Amino acid sequence: DRLWDVRRRYTYGVPAAILFALTLLGLYAFWLEPNRLIVKRVDIPLPGWPGGRPLRVVAIGDIHGGAPYMTAQKIKSMVQLANRQKPDVVALLGDYVILGVLGGRFMEPETVAGALSGLSAPGGVFAVLGNHDWWYNGPRLRTALERAGFRVLEDEVATITVDGRKVHVAGLADEWTRRPDVEKTLALLPAGEPALVLTHGPDLFPKIPRLNGLTLAAHTHGGQVRLPLMGAPIVPSRYRQRYVAGIVREGDRTMFVTSGVGTSVLPVRLGVPPEIAVLTLKGKDEAASKTPAP
């Protein structure tokens, strides 16, 4: 009888424990983590970047207004959090809307732009459009963002002055839905001067020439799910894990890929919390001089 009791407990207890664990994991992945918002702070030393006070850039990507947990109020709270970081420049990296996601509800471009309109930075707020924006209505998104006070760059370059020094901001067209002219656009950047290159997707990075600055991208969502040892099973990039998220260095060129804020296809995040990225750009020599000697 005792042996039978042990077998019965094992037979029913182990599957029940597994089911309970999977239920908890599902609740976390489909409810808790997608509803979070963290501030990811990253120092990025760049060769050739001018000394003096570092440049602080807030990068926000893949908002997907109307996706689960991405209400207008949530976007406004994100704006307040971003402003508290006291950025010099804000980079909006595309995909402000989404046409369909499980459990979501479409949000008009004007509503998303209105919720974002409180974003503020001395150097300005710059935006590029993403594939979801063009799948819906790219010109309408551009108009809505411009009316909110933002500069939308589509194979264009703008120049700002921060603390008395010039910084150039280039915005490239979305690779999935447009035909970005990388060579012509980046030829407008004065050689050797500090520059930021904004692109929705990271796959343009191999086409970007050497420059004194940083490329900023989004689109991947960090895979939305990242598993131990395996990494992200699904990455919407030709380069897979290579461009999934974070700092990417290839030779003397540097890119940062943010894992974004919203969700696409399924409202799930696991190991990849929604983020706004606060990037501190500084000269490599300056960064080294502040490192304590061993």
Protein backbone atom coordinates (compact mmCIF):
# COMPACT_ATOMS: atom_id res chain seq x y z
CA ASP A 1 0.00 0.00 0.00
CA ARG A 2 2.78 2.42 0.84
CA LEU A 3 4.57 1.64 -2.44
CA TRP A 4 1.34 2.21 -4.36
CA ASP A 5 0.85 5.51 -2.57
CA VAL A 6 4.35 6.65 -3.50
CA ARG A 7 3.79 5.65 -7.14
CA ARG A 8 0.44 7.42 -7.24
CA ARG A 9 1.90 10.62 -5.81
CA TYR A 10 4.75 10.49 -8.31
CA THR A 11 2.44 9.73 -11.25
CA TYR A 12 0.09 12.63 -10.51
CA GLY A 13 2.35 14.95 -8.54
CA VAL A 14 5.15 15.46 -11.07
CA PRO A 15 2.87 16.41 -14.01
CA ALA A 16 0.91 18.70 -11.69
CA ALA A 17 4.13 20.40 -10.58
CA ILE A 18 5.24 20.81 -14.20
CA LEU A 19 1.85 22.23 -15.18
CA PHE A 20 1.99 24.66 -12.26
CA ALA A 21 5.50 25.80 -13.23
CA LEU A 22 4.46 26.28 -16.87
CA THR A 23 1.42 28.26 -15.75
CA LEU A 24 3.61 30.59 -13.68
CA LEU A 25 6.05 30.95 -16.58
CA GLY A 26 3.18 31.76 -18.94
CA LEU A 27 1.79 34.39 -16.58
CA TYR A 28 5.21 36.00 -16.33
CA ALA A 29 5.91 35.89 -20.08
CA PHE A 30 2.47 37.04 -21.23
CA TRP A 31 1.58 39.42 -18.44
CA LEU A 32 4.32 40.53 -16.03
CA GLU A 33 7.36 41.03 -18.26
CA PRO A 34 5.61 42.66 -21.26
CA ASN A 35 4.02 45.10 -18.83
CA ARG A 36 7.36 46.19 -17.34
CA LEU A 37 9.52 49.09 -18.46
CA ILE A 38 13.16 49.39 -17.50
CA VAL A 39 15.83 52.02 -18.10
CA LYS A 40 18.89 50.44 -19.70
CA ARG A 41 21.97 52.61 -19.16
CA VAL A 42 24.96 51.96 -21.41
CA ASP A 43 28.27 53.82 -21.66
CA ILE A 44 29.65 53.69 -25.19
CA PRO A 45 33.23 54.87 -25.76
CA LEU A 46 33.84 55.85 -29.37
CA PRO A 47 37.20 56.46 -31.04
CA GLY A 48 37.40 60.02 -32.30
CA TRP A 49 34.41 61.25 -30.30
CA PRO A 50 35.21 64.71 -28.88
CA GLY A 51 36.15 65.16 -25.24
CA GLY A 52 34.27 67.24 -22.74
CA ARG A 53 30.86 66.38 -21.38
CA PRO A 54 29.58 63.11 -22.88
CA LEU A 55 26.50 63.18 -25.08
CA ARG A 56 23.44 61.52 -23.56
CA VAL A 57 21.04 59.92 -26.04
CA VAL A 58 17.73 58.28 -25.16
CA ALA A 59 16.78 55.64 -27.75
CA ILE A 60 13.22 54.32 -27.97
CA GLY A 61 12.06 51.76 -30.50
CA ASP A 62 9.11 49.59 -31.43
CA ILE A 63 6.44 51.31 -29.36
CA HIS A 64 3.63 49.54 -31.25
CA GLY A 65 0.87 51.67 -29.77
CA GLY A 66 -2.25 49.58 -29.27
CA ALA A 67 -0.39 46.34 -28.61
CA PRO A 68 -1.28 44.75 -25.26
CA TYR A 69 -0.10 46.92 -22.34
CA MET A 70 0.81 49.74 -24.74
CA THR A 71 -1.96 52.21 -24.01
CA ALA A 72 -1.74 55.96 -24.52
CA GLN A 73 -1.28 56.36 -20.76
CA LYS A 74 1.57 53.86 -20.78
CA ILE A 75 3.26 55.83 -23.57
CA LYS A 76 2.85 59.05 -21.57
CA SER A 77 4.44 57.36 -18.53
CA MET A 78 7.32 56.25 -20.75
CA VAL A 79 7.75 59.85 -21.91
CA GLN A 80 7.96 61.07 -18.33
CA LEU A 81 10.53 58.39 -17.53
CA ALA A 82 12.58 59.33 -20.61
CA ASN A 83 12.53 63.03 -19.74
CA ARG A 84 13.79 62.27 -16.23
CA GLN A 85 16.98 60.89 -17.82
CA LYS A 86 17.80 64.45 -19.01
CA PRO A 87 18.82 63.45 -22.54
CA ASP A 88 20.66 65.76 -24.92
CA VAL A 89 18.97 64.04 -27.87
CA VAL A 90 16.07 61.61 -28.20
CA ALA A 91 16.04 59.04 -31.03
CA LEU A 92 12.72 57.42 -31.97
CA LEU A 93 13.53 54.35 -34.04
CA GLY A 94 10.28 53.41 -35.74
CA ASP A 95 7.24 51.13 -35.53
CA TYR A 96 4.88 53.44 -33.67
CA VAL A 97 1.76 51.49 -34.69
CA ILE A 98 0.79 47.88 -35.25
CA LEU A 99 -2.04 46.52 -37.37
CA GLY A 100 -2.67 43.30 -35.53
CA VAL A 101 -1.44 41.57 -32.42
CA LEU A 102 -3.23 39.09 -30.18
CA GLY A 103 -5.09 40.95 -27.45
CA GLY A 104 -4.32 44.39 -28.88
CA ARG A 105 -6.36 47.21 -30.36
CA PHE A 106 -5.28 49.48 -33.19
CA MET A 107 -4.12 52.93 -32.08
CA GLU A 108 -4.32 55.84 -34.52
CA PRO A 109 -1.00 57.50 -35.45
CA GLU A 110 -2.25 60.82 -34.09
CA THR A 111 -2.97 59.21 -30.73
CA VAL A 112 0.52 57.69 -30.53
CA ALA A 113 2.16 60.96 -31.58
CA GLY A 114 0.05 62.93 -29.11
CA ALA A 115 1.10 60.64 -26.26
CA LEU A 116 4.75 61.07 -27.32
CA SER A 117 4.52 64.84 -27.73
CA GLY A 118 5.84 65.55 -24.23
CA LEU A 119 9.29 64.20 -25.11
CA SER A 120 11.89 66.90 -24.71
CA ALA A 121 15.63 67.31 -25.22
CA PRO A 122 17.85 70.37 -25.84
CA GLY A 123 19.18 68.89 -29.07
CA GLY A 124 15.74 67.80 -30.25
CA VAL A 125 13.73 64.64 -30.87
CA PHE A 126 14.47 62.81 -34.12
CA ALA A 127 12.50 59.97 -35.66
CA VAL A 128 12.65 57.41 -38.44
CA LEU A 129 9.77 55.25 -39.63
CA GLY A 130 9.61 51.46 -39.43
CA ASN A 131 8.08 48.69 -41.51
CA HIS A 132 4.81 48.63 -39.55
CA ASP A 133 4.46 52.38 -40.08
CA TRP A 134 4.79 51.98 -43.84
CA TRP A 135 2.56 48.91 -43.95
CA TYR A 136 -0.12 51.15 -42.50
CA ASN A 137 0.47 54.69 -43.82
CA GLY A 138 3.95 56.17 -43.76
CA PRO A 139 3.02 59.72 -44.81
CA ARG A 140 0.33 59.86 -42.12
CA LEU A 141 2.81 58.73 -39.46
CA ARG A 142 5.32 61.33 -40.61
CA THR A 143 2.75 64.11 -40.46
CA ALA A 144 1.56 63.06 -37.01
CA LEU A 145 5.10 62.98 -35.62
CA GLU A 146 6.03 66.31 -37.18
CA ARG A 147 2.92 67.93 -35.72
CA ALA A 148 4.04 66.61 -32.34
CA GLY A 149 7.23 68.66 -32.79
CA PHE A 150 9.62 65.93 -33.89
CA ARG A 151 12.02 65.91 -36.86
CA VAL A 152 11.38 62.90 -39.09
CA LEU A 153 14.37 61.90 -41.22
CA GLU A 154 13.93 59.80 -44.37
CA ASP A 155 17.37 59.58 -46.00
CA GLU A 156 18.03 63.03 -44.57
CA VAL A 157 20.61 64.71 -42.32
CA ALA A 158 20.09 67.34 -39.64
CA THR A 159 22.70 69.24 -37.64
CA ILE A 160 22.32 70.27 -34.01
CA THR A 161 24.51 72.06 -31.51
CA VAL A 162 24.91 70.63 -28.02
CA ASP A 163 27.15 72.43 -25.52
CA GLY A 164 28.67 74.43 -28.33
CA ARG A 165 29.64 71.47 -30.49
CA LYS A 166 28.00 70.24 -33.67
CA VAL A 167 26.46 66.79 -33.90
CA HIS A 168 24.98 65.51 -37.15
CA VAL A 169 21.94 63.22 -37.14
CA ALA A 170 21.24 61.06 -40.20
CA GLY A 171 18.01 59.10 -40.60
CA LEU A 172 17.79 56.23 -43.08
CA ALA A 173 14.65 54.91 -44.77
CA ASP A 174 13.31 51.53 -43.66
CA GLU A 175 14.99 48.66 -45.49
CA TRP A 176 11.97 46.33 -45.44
CA THR A 177 9.52 48.67 -47.13
CA ARG A 178 11.61 51.40 -48.83
CA ARG A 179 14.85 51.75 -50.76
CA PRO A 180 17.26 53.53 -48.45
CA ASP A 181 20.09 55.34 -50.18
CA VAL A 182 22.75 54.79 -47.56
CA GLU A 183 25.70 56.00 -49.62
CA LYS A 184 24.09 59.24 -50.79
CA THR A 185 22.65 60.09 -47.37
CA LEU A 186 25.79 59.47 -45.37
CA ALA A 187 27.89 61.35 -47.92
CA LEU A 188 26.16 64.44 -46.51
CA LEU A 189 27.95 63.94 -43.16
CA PRO A 190 31.07 66.12 -42.84
CA ALA A 191 34.10 63.85 -42.56
CA GLY A 192 35.31 63.25 -39.01
CA GLU A 193 32.58 65.22 -37.27
CA PRO A 194 30.40 63.56 -34.56
CA ALA A 195 27.38 61.79 -36.01
CA LEU A 196 24.41 59.65 -35.10
CA VAL A 197 22.85 57.38 -37.73
CA LEU A 198 19.26 56.30 -37.07
CA THR A 199 17.82 53.26 -38.81
CA HIS A 200 14.79 51.18 -37.91
CA GLY A 201 16.39 47.81 -38.64
CA PRO A 202 19.99 46.82 -37.90
CA ASP A 203 20.61 45.00 -41.18
CA LEU A 204 21.80 48.19 -42.89
CA PHE A 205 24.82 48.30 -40.59
CA PRO A 206 27.22 46.46 -42.97
CA LYS A 207 26.50 49.16 -45.58
CA ILE A 208 27.32 52.02 -43.23
CA PRO A 209 30.86 53.33 -43.77
CA ARG A 210 33.31 54.24 -41.06
CA LEU A 211 32.20 57.40 -39.27
CA ASN A 212 32.89 59.27 -36.06
CA GLY A 213 29.80 58.19 -34.19
CA LEU A 214 27.17 55.59 -33.52
CA THR A 215 24.45 53.77 -35.46
CA LEU A 216 21.16 53.29 -33.58
CA ALA A 217 18.65 50.59 -34.52
CA ALA A 218 15.62 48.72 -33.23
CA HIS A 219 13.19 46.29 -34.99
CA THR A 220 14.42 43.02 -33.45
CA HIS A 221 12.61 43.40 -30.07
CA GLY A 222 15.63 41.52 -28.75
CA GLY A 223 13.82 38.45 -30.05
CA GLN A 224 11.08 39.02 -27.40
CA VAL A 225 12.05 35.65 -25.90
CA ARG A 226 15.58 34.82 -24.82
CA LEU A 227 16.36 31.35 -23.45
CA PRO A 228 19.38 30.20 -21.42
CA LEU A 229 22.25 28.91 -23.61
CA MET A 230 20.07 29.10 -26.74
CA GLY A 231 19.53 32.86 -26.88
CA ALA A 232 16.62 34.23 -28.89
CA PRO A 233 14.98 31.51 -31.03
CA ILE A 234 13.45 34.05 -33.43
CA VAL A 235 15.27 37.21 -34.55
CA PRO A 236 13.89 39.25 -37.48
CA SER A 237 17.33 39.89 -38.95
CA ARG A 238 19.39 38.26 -41.66
CA TYR A 239 22.25 38.23 -39.16
CA ARG A 240 20.29 36.52 -36.36
CA GLN A 241 22.00 36.62 -32.95
CA ARG A 242 24.72 38.91 -34.25
CA TYR A 243 22.32 41.88 -34.28
CA VAL A 244 19.74 40.77 -31.73
CA ALA A 245 20.32 43.56 -29.15
CA GLY A 246 22.92 45.69 -27.40
CA ILE A 247 26.29 46.96 -28.57
CA VAL A 248 27.63 45.61 -31.86
CA ARG A 249 31.21 46.40 -32.88
CA GLU A 250 32.55 45.57 -36.31
CA GLY A 251 36.05 46.86 -36.85
CA ASP A 252 36.03 50.53 -35.88
CA ARG A 253 32.25 50.90 -36.39
CA THR A 254 29.73 50.69 -33.55
CA MET A 255 25.98 50.09 -33.43
CA PHE A 256 23.51 49.88 -30.57
CA VAL A 257 20.30 47.86 -31.04
CA THR A 258 17.53 48.49 -28.53
CA SER A 259 15.13 45.66 -27.73
CA GLY A 260 12.30 48.16 -27.74
CA VAL A 261 9.13 48.72 -25.77
CA GLY A 262 6.17 46.95 -27.37
CA THR A 263 5.40 43.50 -28.75
CA SER A 264 4.57 42.13 -32.17
CA VAL A 265 2.79 38.96 -33.37
CA LEU A 266 2.37 37.61 -29.82
CA PRO A 267 2.19 39.73 -26.65
CA VAL A 268 5.05 37.85 -25.04
CA ARG A 269 8.43 38.80 -23.56
CA LEU A 270 10.70 36.50 -21.62
CA GLY A 271 14.20 37.52 -20.61
CA VAL A 272 13.83 40.66 -22.75
CA PRO A 273 12.00 43.33 -20.71
CA PRO A 274 10.69 46.44 -22.48
CA GLU A 275 13.33 49.16 -22.30
CA ILE A 276 14.23 52.71 -23.01
CA ALA A 277 17.97 52.94 -23.59
CA VAL A 278 20.05 55.76 -22.12
CA LEU A 279 23.33 55.88 -24.03
CA THR A 280 26.29 57.95 -22.83
CA LEU A 281 28.68 58.63 -25.71
CA LYS A 282 32.23 59.60 -24.82
CA GLY A 283 35.67 59.61 -26.36
CA LYS A 284 37.64 56.41 -25.97
CA ASP A 285 40.66 58.20 -24.50
CA GLU A 286 38.45 59.97 -21.96
CA ALA A 287 36.79 56.70 -20.94
CA ALA A 288 40.16 55.01 -20.49
CA SER A 289 41.51 57.90 -18.39
CA LYS A 290 38.65 57.45 -15.92
CA THR A 291 39.28 53.73 -15.48
CA PRO A 292 41.05 53.09 -12.13
CA ALA A 293 44.49 51.56 -12.36
CA PRO A 294 44.66 47.92 -11.17
